[in-house]
């Protein structure tokens, strides 16, 4: 029951969080340094912490807090998304993704 409640709450939070940056969105202003997050206790075996990240919303940076996600299968590893500088001086979001061993 506790695990099911956590999954429902995680889905609600995910739907109300700041949206992830568009894959092809380029930004002129460099993102701020990542915020320090307090990682809550693991809700259940098989969950992985997905760190927060900065996203560009309108004309400003907004922090999208980290959260737990159930790994799609045992041994899956989350590769963290990041902002990559481009030769043009702009910044492009590289989305996070699951890597399978």
Foldseek 3Di string as FASTA:
>chain_A
DQVVVVVVVVVVLVVPFDDAEDQFDKAQDDDDDFDDDDDDDDSDPQKDKQAWDWYQDDHDIDIGGIDIDRPPDPQKDKDHWDWDQDPVNIIGIDHIDIDHD
